Amino acid sequence: MSHEKKIARVRFMSNWLASLLGAATLLVSGIVVTAMAQEQQPEKPATKRVSSGRDPFKKYEPPKPTAKRSLNHSPIDSIQDRISKYKAQKAAAMSARMPAPKPTTALLLSEIQVIGISRSPRGYAAIVEAIPIKLSYVIYPGESFYDGQLVAIEDNRLVFRRETVFTDGRRERSVEYKSLRQPTPVNSVPTPGGSVATAKP
């Protein structure tokens, strides 16, 4: 009996050692796999705390207002220079067999006044007078001027988009309205019925 007990004890001990070695092997292989996985993962960049530059223990003081730079408008050519440039552009377009630019491209928005608004087969049209040269033109939406463009024609006014160019090259766009010219004693004739008829240009 003692011999069989010794054999059973030896077998038990060998089985126990084998299971212990298997568990240790599994444990070591798991640790190695985990370490390899951690090495393969890219490291996250450390987050930097951005400082606002203000001391948190001092009382807040609003920033001092800075004086805005005064930007000057780029100089505008005289009406004669603009007309000369327009004539040169027209001659170049005609020699190249291209459509010539409209005469209104030489006029400033401040140099025109609205004489009348009418409906035509092309839609609304406006009659404007160039004050410096005393000439009248029929214009349609989309017509270009030296410092802007006609955007729309309404019942009693024109809507322009003005473009201002500064000396530093910056461009600023704004909306400008021009109403119909009011009748004056010079361009109106009283009628017997008491109504006023505007003289045609």
Protein backbone atom coordinates (compact mmCIF):
# COMPACT_ATOMS: atom_id res chain seq x y z
CA MET A 1 0.00 0.00 0.00
CA SER A 2 2.77 2.39 0.78
CA HIS A 3 4.35 1.77 -2.60
CA GLU A 4 1.08 2.59 -4.42
CA LYS A 5 0.64 5.75 -2.31
CA LYS A 6 4.10 6.90 -3.24
CA ILE A 7 3.37 6.34 -6.93
CA ALA A 8 0.05 8.18 -6.65
CA ARG A 9 1.75 11.05 -4.80
CA VAL A 10 4.47 11.24 -7.45
CA ARG A 11 1.85 11.30 -10.21
CA PHE A 12 -0.14 13.97 -8.37
CA MET A 13 2.96 16.08 -7.90
CA SER A 14 3.96 15.71 -11.57
CA ASN A 15 0.46 16.62 -12.74
CA TRP A 16 0.42 19.60 -10.40
CA LEU A 17 3.81 20.78 -11.62
CA ALA A 18 2.74 20.35 -15.25
CA SER A 19 -0.42 22.41 -14.71
CA LEU A 20 1.58 25.03 -12.80
CA LEU A 21 4.12 25.26 -15.63
CA GLY A 22 1.29 25.56 -18.21
CA ALA A 23 -0.34 28.40 -16.24
CA ALA A 24 2.99 30.16 -15.89
CA THR A 25 3.61 29.80 -19.63
CA LEU A 26 0.19 31.27 -20.44
CA LEU A 27 0.76 34.12 -18.01
CA VAL A 28 4.19 34.97 -19.47
CA SER A 29 2.89 34.80 -23.07
CA GLY A 30 -0.03 37.13 -22.19
CA ILE A 31 2.35 39.64 -20.64
CA VAL A 32 4.60 39.52 -23.71
CA VAL A 33 1.64 40.01 -26.11
CA THR A 34 0.35 42.94 -24.05
CA ALA A 35 3.77 44.58 -24.00
CA MET A 36 4.14 44.17 -27.76
CA ALA A 37 0.71 45.66 -28.37
CA GLN A 38 1.56 48.64 -26.22
CA GLU A 39 4.82 49.17 -28.11
CA GLN A 40 3.01 49.11 -31.46
CA GLN A 41 0.42 51.73 -30.44
CA PRO A 42 1.48 55.26 -31.40
CA GLU A 43 2.04 57.57 -28.52
CA LYS A 44 -0.54 60.27 -28.14
CA PRO A 45 0.92 63.75 -28.44
CA ALA A 46 1.02 65.56 -25.19
CA THR A 47 -1.71 68.20 -25.05
CA LYS A 48 -0.34 71.65 -24.59
CA ARG A 49 -2.19 74.15 -22.54
CA VAL A 50 -2.52 77.38 -24.49
CA SER A 51 -2.00 80.40 -22.34
CA SER A 52 -4.01 83.51 -23.02
CA GLY A 53 -1.12 85.64 -21.79
CA ARG A 54 -3.20 87.17 -18.99
CA ASP A 55 -2.33 86.80 -15.34
CA PRO A 56 -5.31 85.03 -13.69
CA PHE A 57 -4.65 86.81 -10.38
CA LYS A 58 -4.92 90.33 -11.83
CA LYS A 59 -8.16 92.20 -12.41
CA TYR A 60 -9.36 92.06 -16.03
CA GLU A 61 -8.69 95.21 -18.03
CA PRO A 62 -10.30 95.60 -21.47
CA PRO A 63 -7.82 96.15 -24.32
CA LYS A 64 -7.18 99.73 -25.30
CA PRO A 65 -8.87 100.78 -28.55
CA THR A 66 -6.40 101.15 -31.38
CA ALA A 67 -6.74 103.99 -33.82
CA LYS A 68 -7.87 102.82 -37.24
CA ARG A 69 -5.62 103.56 -40.14
CA SER A 70 -7.05 106.13 -42.48
CA LEU A 71 -7.03 104.58 -45.92
CA ASN A 72 -7.13 107.00 -48.81
CA HIS A 73 -9.05 106.34 -51.98
CA SER A 74 -7.01 105.79 -55.08
CA PRO A 75 -6.99 108.93 -57.25
CA ILE A 76 -9.65 109.08 -59.98
CA ASP A 77 -8.76 110.33 -63.43
CA SER A 78 -10.42 113.43 -64.83
CA ILE A 79 -13.35 113.10 -67.24
CA GLN A 80 -11.14 113.98 -70.21
CA ASP A 81 -8.58 111.28 -69.31
CA ARG A 82 -11.36 108.73 -68.89
CA ILE A 83 -12.86 109.66 -72.27
CA SER A 84 -9.42 109.35 -73.92
CA LYS A 85 -8.97 105.88 -72.39
CA TYR A 86 -12.45 104.90 -73.57
CA LYS A 87 -11.67 106.02 -77.12
CA ALA A 88 -8.43 104.01 -77.10
CA GLN A 89 -10.29 100.91 -75.81
CA LYS A 90 -12.97 101.36 -78.48
CA ALA A 91 -10.39 101.67 -81.27
CA ALA A 92 -8.54 98.58 -80.01
CA ALA A 93 -11.78 96.59 -79.84
CA MET A 94 -12.79 97.63 -83.35
CA SER A 95 -9.38 96.68 -84.78
CA ALA A 96 -9.64 93.29 -83.05
CA ARG A 97 -13.24 92.88 -84.32
CA MET A 98 -14.53 92.69 -80.76
CA PRO A 99 -17.62 94.44 -79.35
CA ALA A 100 -16.74 97.97 -78.27
CA PRO A 101 -17.24 98.95 -74.60
CA LYS A 102 -20.21 101.13 -73.70
CA PRO A 103 -19.62 104.88 -73.25
CA THR A 104 -20.91 104.66 -69.67
CA THR A 105 -17.69 102.88 -68.64
CA ALA A 106 -16.03 106.31 -68.60
CA LEU A 107 -18.61 107.87 -66.25
CA LEU A 108 -18.71 107.97 -62.46
CA LEU A 109 -21.95 107.22 -60.63
CA SER A 110 -21.80 110.68 -59.13
CA GLU A 111 -21.72 112.22 -62.63
CA ILE A 112 -25.10 110.90 -63.80
CA GLN A 113 -28.68 111.77 -63.00
CA VAL A 114 -31.80 109.76 -63.80
CA ILE A 115 -34.10 111.50 -66.29
CA GLY A 116 -36.68 108.80 -66.85
CA ILE A 117 -37.61 105.12 -66.51
CA SER A 118 -39.55 103.20 -69.13
CA ARG A 119 -40.50 99.65 -70.07
CA SER A 120 -39.04 98.24 -73.27
CA PRO A 121 -39.12 94.84 -75.01
CA ARG A 122 -35.91 94.04 -73.13
CA GLY A 123 -37.50 94.96 -69.79
CA TYR A 124 -37.06 98.13 -67.78
CA ALA A 125 -34.77 100.78 -69.23
CA ALA A 126 -33.55 104.04 -67.76
CA ILE A 127 -32.51 107.30 -69.39
CA VAL A 128 -29.60 108.98 -67.65
CA GLU A 129 -27.74 112.18 -68.37
CA ALA A 130 -23.98 112.55 -68.02
CA ILE A 131 -23.69 115.90 -66.26
CA PRO A 132 -20.11 116.85 -67.31
CA ILE A 133 -20.64 116.28 -71.04
CA LYS A 134 -24.43 116.91 -71.25
CA LEU A 135 -25.18 113.66 -73.12
CA SER A 136 -28.02 111.22 -72.47
CA TYR A 137 -27.85 107.42 -72.59
CA VAL A 138 -30.37 104.58 -72.38
CA ILE A 139 -29.09 101.97 -69.92
CA TYR A 140 -30.24 98.51 -68.81
CA PRO A 141 -29.47 96.37 -65.74
CA GLY A 142 -25.90 95.09 -65.90
CA GLU A 143 -24.55 98.31 -67.45
CA SER A 144 -21.00 99.04 -66.26
CA PHE A 145 -19.72 102.38 -65.03
CA TYR A 146 -16.23 103.56 -64.06
CA ASP A 147 -16.82 102.92 -60.35
CA GLY A 148 -19.82 100.61 -60.30
CA GLN A 149 -22.57 98.75 -62.09
CA LEU A 150 -26.32 99.10 -62.55
CA VAL A 151 -27.93 96.21 -60.68
CA ALA A 152 -31.67 96.83 -61.01
CA ILE A 153 -34.25 99.33 -62.25
CA GLU A 154 -37.24 99.91 -60.01
CA ASP A 155 -40.37 102.00 -60.59
CA ASN A 156 -38.87 105.27 -59.40
CA ARG A 157 -35.18 104.64 -58.76
CA LEU A 158 -32.05 102.82 -59.94
CA VAL A 159 -30.01 100.43 -57.80
CA PHE A 160 -26.23 100.55 -58.29
CA ARG A 161 -23.35 98.57 -56.81
CA ARG A 162 -20.52 101.01 -56.14
CA GLU A 163 -16.92 99.78 -55.91
CA THR A 164 -14.39 101.89 -54.05
CA VAL A 165 -10.69 101.16 -54.58
CA PHE A 166 -8.20 102.18 -51.88
CA THR A 167 -4.53 102.98 -52.27
CA ASP A 168 -3.51 99.67 -50.65
CA GLY A 169 -5.43 97.71 -53.32
CA ARG A 170 -8.42 96.85 -51.12
CA ARG A 171 -11.85 97.04 -52.76
CA GLU A 172 -15.04 97.92 -50.94
CA ARG A 173 -18.51 97.38 -52.42
CA SER A 174 -21.66 99.21 -51.36
CA VAL A 175 -25.21 99.72 -52.62
CA GLU A 176 -26.25 103.12 -53.95
CA TYR A 177 -29.70 104.33 -55.02
CA LYS A 178 -30.47 107.09 -57.51
CA SER A 179 -33.98 108.47 -57.70
CA LEU A 180 -35.68 110.16 -60.64
CA ARG A 181 -34.75 113.77 -61.22
CA GLN A 182 -37.39 116.05 -59.76
CA PRO A 183 -39.01 118.46 -62.22
CA THR A 184 -37.72 122.04 -62.01
CA PRO A 185 -39.04 125.23 -63.64
CA VAL A 186 -36.42 124.77 -66.35
CA ASN A 187 -37.36 121.24 -67.43
CA SER A 188 -41.11 121.37 -66.71
CA VAL A 189 -43.93 123.09 -68.61
CA PRO A 190 -47.24 123.88 -66.87
CA THR A 191 -50.33 122.63 -68.69
CA PRO A 192 -53.83 124.19 -68.65
CA GLY A 193 -55.18 121.28 -66.58
CA GLY A 194 -52.78 122.09 -63.77
CA SER A 195 -50.60 119.01 -64.26
CA VAL A 196 -46.86 119.20 -64.91
CA ALA A 197 -45.31 117.57 -67.97
CA THR A 198 -41.61 116.79 -67.89
CA ALA A 199 -39.73 117.95 -70.94
CA LYS A 200 -37.97 115.29 -72.94
CA PRO A 201 -34.19 115.54 -73.06
